[in-house]
Amino acid sequence: MLENYNNYSYFCAPDMQKVTNPLVWLARFRHRRGYGVHSPFAFRFITDVIYESHPYYAYRELDCRLPLPMRLRQRKGLHLLLRVANHLQPDIIVLPRDAWWEKRYLQSGCRTANIQCQWPRGEVGMCLLREPSDEVLQHLGQHSVLLLNDLHRYRQWFRELPSVVSFDLYDLGIAFFDKQYNKQNYIVNF
């Protein structure tokens, strides 16, 4: 377990600029808790998934196993992964090989998902990336969701995705590819 922790490259780790720069926070305040969001799908996703405040069934059990430094830095992002997986219930989830903690939270959120570290044939339901990869576009379909860590570093690549609805959470980007929704990018203060 310690070996996995040492190789872990903090997924959903908060950036100190977000804490120290109040302008970033103010620019994202517009869509906080769903304010100004007119799409029913986006409003429900923001209020029921991103800003869900009630503790989920697996938080306590999973959080007590986290090492203390991760508990302080990544818990919020890992809880979001659990809520997204629970909300979407994808069939196939693809994530990086060393994403050991993310895998545990995703398994708790969607127990029926087939979680893999390599690209399967066909489309995937959910994909977690730590850095951009053009290969991912071959495996994303209409019902796919892409989560990109370190979004503030890869924002231009994320904006050029052929996604329909996307959520910019500063450190994490969530993109939906379902064509039934109107194209929109939401900048959310998370």
Protein backbone atom coordinates (compact mmCIF):
# COMPACT_ATOMS: atom_id res chain seq x y z
CA MET A 1 0.00 0.00 0.00
CA LEU A 2 2.85 2.37 0.77
CA GLU A 3 4.39 1.59 -2.60
CA ASN A 4 1.23 2.73 -4.39
CA TYR A 5 1.16 5.90 -2.33
CA ASN A 6 4.74 6.80 -3.24
CA ASN A 7 4.04 6.42 -6.98
CA TYR A 8 0.83 8.40 -6.73
CA SER A 9 0.70 11.65 -8.68
CA TYR A 10 -2.02 13.53 -6.87
CA PHE A 11 -5.18 13.39 -8.96
CA CYS A 12 -7.49 16.30 -8.22
CA ALA A 13 -4.90 18.00 -6.03
CA PRO A 14 -5.77 21.62 -5.27
CA ASP A 15 -3.57 24.25 -6.81
CA MET A 16 -2.23 26.89 -4.45
CA GLN A 17 -2.95 29.63 -6.99
CA LYS A 18 -6.65 28.88 -6.54
CA VAL A 19 -6.35 29.59 -2.83
CA THR A 20 -4.12 32.64 -3.10
CA ASN A 21 -5.75 34.33 -6.08
CA PRO A 22 -9.21 35.67 -5.19
CA LEU A 23 -9.77 36.76 -8.80
CA VAL A 24 -9.91 33.11 -9.89
CA TRP A 25 -12.53 32.44 -7.25
CA LEU A 26 -14.56 35.52 -8.19
CA ALA A 27 -14.48 34.70 -11.91
CA ARG A 28 -15.96 31.28 -11.16
CA PHE A 29 -18.57 32.49 -8.72
CA ARG A 30 -21.16 33.02 -11.47
CA HIS A 31 -22.13 29.34 -11.75
CA ARG A 32 -21.61 28.42 -8.10
CA ARG A 33 -24.31 26.02 -6.94
CA GLY A 34 -26.03 26.27 -10.33
CA TYR A 35 -26.68 30.03 -10.40
CA GLY A 36 -27.31 31.23 -13.94
CA VAL A 37 -27.44 27.73 -15.43
CA HIS A 38 -30.54 27.27 -17.58
CA SER A 39 -29.96 23.75 -18.88
CA PRO A 40 -31.85 21.25 -16.69
CA PHE A 41 -29.13 18.62 -17.27
CA ALA A 42 -26.28 20.96 -16.32
CA PHE A 43 -28.17 22.38 -13.34
CA ARG A 44 -28.88 18.89 -11.95
CA PHE A 45 -25.28 17.82 -12.53
CA ILE A 46 -23.92 20.89 -10.74
CA THR A 47 -26.33 20.73 -7.80
CA ASP A 48 -26.73 16.95 -7.41
CA VAL A 49 -23.19 15.78 -8.23
CA ILE A 50 -20.60 18.54 -8.02
CA TYR A 51 -22.09 20.31 -4.99
CA GLU A 52 -23.71 17.36 -3.26
CA SER A 53 -23.18 18.06 0.43
CA HIS A 54 -24.63 14.93 2.04
CA PRO A 55 -22.10 12.25 2.94
CA TYR A 56 -22.19 9.22 0.68
CA TYR A 57 -22.27 5.68 2.00
CA ALA A 58 -18.58 4.96 1.32
CA TYR A 59 -16.87 8.21 2.35
CA ARG A 60 -16.01 7.22 5.90
CA GLU A 61 -14.67 3.78 5.03
CA LEU A 62 -12.55 5.02 2.11
CA ASP A 63 -11.31 8.18 3.82
CA CYS A 64 -10.02 6.36 6.91
CA ARG A 65 -7.68 4.34 4.65
CA LEU A 66 -6.18 7.42 2.99
CA PRO A 67 -2.78 8.54 4.26
CA LEU A 68 -2.99 11.83 6.14
CA PRO A 69 -1.37 14.06 3.47
CA MET A 70 -3.82 12.75 0.88
CA ARG A 71 -6.71 13.11 3.28
CA LEU A 72 -5.98 16.80 3.56
CA ARG A 73 -5.31 17.47 -0.14
CA GLN A 74 -7.26 15.03 -2.34
CA ARG A 75 -10.35 14.03 -0.41
CA LYS A 76 -12.59 16.59 -2.09
CA GLY A 77 -11.57 15.47 -5.60
CA LEU A 78 -11.84 11.79 -4.77
CA HIS A 79 -15.32 12.32 -3.34
CA LEU A 80 -16.28 14.01 -6.60
CA LEU A 81 -15.06 10.99 -8.58
CA LEU A 82 -17.21 8.71 -6.45
CA ARG A 83 -20.27 10.93 -6.97
CA VAL A 84 -19.73 11.16 -10.75
CA ALA A 85 -19.37 7.38 -11.05
CA ASN A 86 -22.44 6.87 -8.85
CA HIS A 87 -24.48 9.34 -10.90
CA LEU A 88 -23.48 8.06 -14.36
CA GLN A 89 -23.05 4.31 -13.66
CA PRO A 90 -20.71 3.76 -16.66
CA ASP A 91 -20.07 0.25 -18.01
CA ILE A 92 -16.36 0.73 -18.72
CA ILE A 93 -14.00 3.12 -16.94
CA VAL A 94 -10.46 3.72 -18.18
CA LEU A 95 -7.90 5.32 -15.88
CA PRO A 96 -4.09 5.54 -15.57
CA ARG A 97 -2.21 2.53 -14.21
CA ASP A 98 -1.02 4.21 -11.03
CA ALA A 99 -4.43 5.64 -10.13
CA TRP A 100 -4.87 3.24 -7.24
CA TRP A 101 -6.91 5.50 -4.95
CA GLU A 102 -9.11 6.76 -7.78
CA LYS A 103 -9.90 3.14 -8.67
CA ARG A 104 -11.07 2.42 -5.12
CA TYR A 105 -13.37 5.45 -5.07
CA LEU A 106 -14.74 4.69 -8.55
CA GLN A 107 -15.40 1.06 -7.60
CA SER A 108 -17.37 2.26 -4.59
CA GLY A 109 -19.35 4.64 -6.77
CA CYS A 110 -20.15 2.11 -9.49
CA ARG A 111 -19.72 -1.49 -8.42
CA THR A 112 -20.80 -2.88 -11.81
CA ALA A 113 -18.22 -0.95 -13.86
CA ASN A 114 -15.38 -2.72 -15.60
CA ILE A 115 -12.35 -0.60 -14.61
CA GLN A 116 -9.39 -0.92 -16.96
CA CYS A 117 -5.96 0.63 -17.40
CA GLN A 118 -5.81 0.18 -21.17
CA TRP A 119 -8.09 1.08 -24.04
CA PRO A 120 -10.69 -1.58 -24.83
CA ARG A 121 -12.27 -2.10 -28.21
CA GLY A 122 -15.21 0.18 -28.76
CA GLU A 123 -16.29 3.11 -26.68
CA VAL A 124 -15.79 3.69 -22.98
CA GLY A 125 -18.31 5.11 -20.55
CA MET A 126 -15.86 7.16 -18.49
CA CYS A 127 -12.21 8.08 -18.90
CA LEU A 128 -9.81 9.75 -16.46
CA LEU A 129 -6.72 11.46 -17.87
CA ARG A 130 -3.81 13.17 -16.17
CA GLU A 131 -2.58 14.73 -19.39
CA PRO A 132 -4.03 15.20 -22.88
CA SER A 133 -4.11 12.26 -25.27
CA ASP A 134 -5.52 12.39 -28.77
CA GLU A 135 -5.93 8.61 -28.66
CA VAL A 136 -8.82 9.06 -26.24
CA LEU A 137 -11.02 10.56 -28.98
CA GLN A 138 -11.14 7.21 -30.78
CA HIS A 139 -12.76 5.59 -27.74
CA LEU A 140 -15.29 8.24 -26.78
CA GLY A 141 -18.84 7.95 -28.01
CA GLN A 142 -22.11 9.77 -27.51
CA HIS A 143 -22.56 8.47 -23.96
CA SER A 144 -18.94 8.94 -22.84
CA VAL A 145 -17.58 11.25 -20.17
CA LEU A 146 -14.00 12.50 -19.97
CA LEU A 147 -12.37 13.78 -16.78
CA LEU A 148 -9.08 15.64 -17.20
CA ASN A 149 -6.85 16.43 -14.23
CA ASP A 150 -4.64 19.55 -14.12
CA LEU A 151 -7.08 21.36 -16.35
CA HIS A 152 -5.47 24.73 -15.73
CA ARG A 153 -2.36 23.40 -17.55
CA TYR A 154 -4.26 21.80 -20.45
CA ARG A 155 -7.22 24.15 -20.83
CA GLN A 156 -6.63 24.84 -24.54
CA TRP A 157 -6.65 21.12 -25.42
CA PHE A 158 -9.78 20.63 -23.31
CA ARG A 159 -11.62 23.47 -25.08
CA GLU A 160 -10.85 22.00 -28.49
CA LEU A 161 -12.47 18.66 -27.63
CA PRO A 162 -15.60 17.84 -29.66
CA SER A 163 -17.57 17.69 -26.42
CA VAL A 164 -21.04 19.10 -26.12
CA VAL A 165 -21.30 20.04 -22.44
CA SER A 166 -18.18 20.67 -20.37
CA PHE A 167 -17.53 21.77 -16.82
CA ASP A 168 -14.37 23.67 -15.95
CA LEU A 169 -13.64 23.17 -12.22
CA TYR A 170 -10.20 24.81 -12.54
CA ASP A 171 -8.24 21.70 -11.45
CA LEU A 172 -10.55 19.20 -13.12
CA GLY A 173 -12.45 19.25 -16.40
CA ILE A 174 -15.52 17.12 -17.07
CA ALA A 175 -16.70 16.75 -20.68
CA PHE A 176 -19.89 15.07 -21.91
CA PHE A 177 -20.22 14.05 -25.55
CA ASP A 178 -23.99 13.47 -25.74
CA LYS A 179 -25.35 15.29 -28.80
CA GLN A 180 -28.86 15.70 -27.35
CA TYR A 181 -27.64 18.68 -25.27
CA ASN A 182 -26.80 22.16 -26.50
CA LYS A 183 -23.09 23.00 -26.67
CA GLN A 184 -22.05 24.85 -23.53
CA ASN A 185 -18.98 25.28 -21.32
CA TYR A 186 -19.65 26.01 -17.65
CA ILE A 187 -16.99 27.54 -15.44
CA VAL A 188 -17.85 26.30 -11.98
CA ASN A 189 -16.34 27.39 -8.67
CA PHE A 190 -15.56 24.06 -6.99
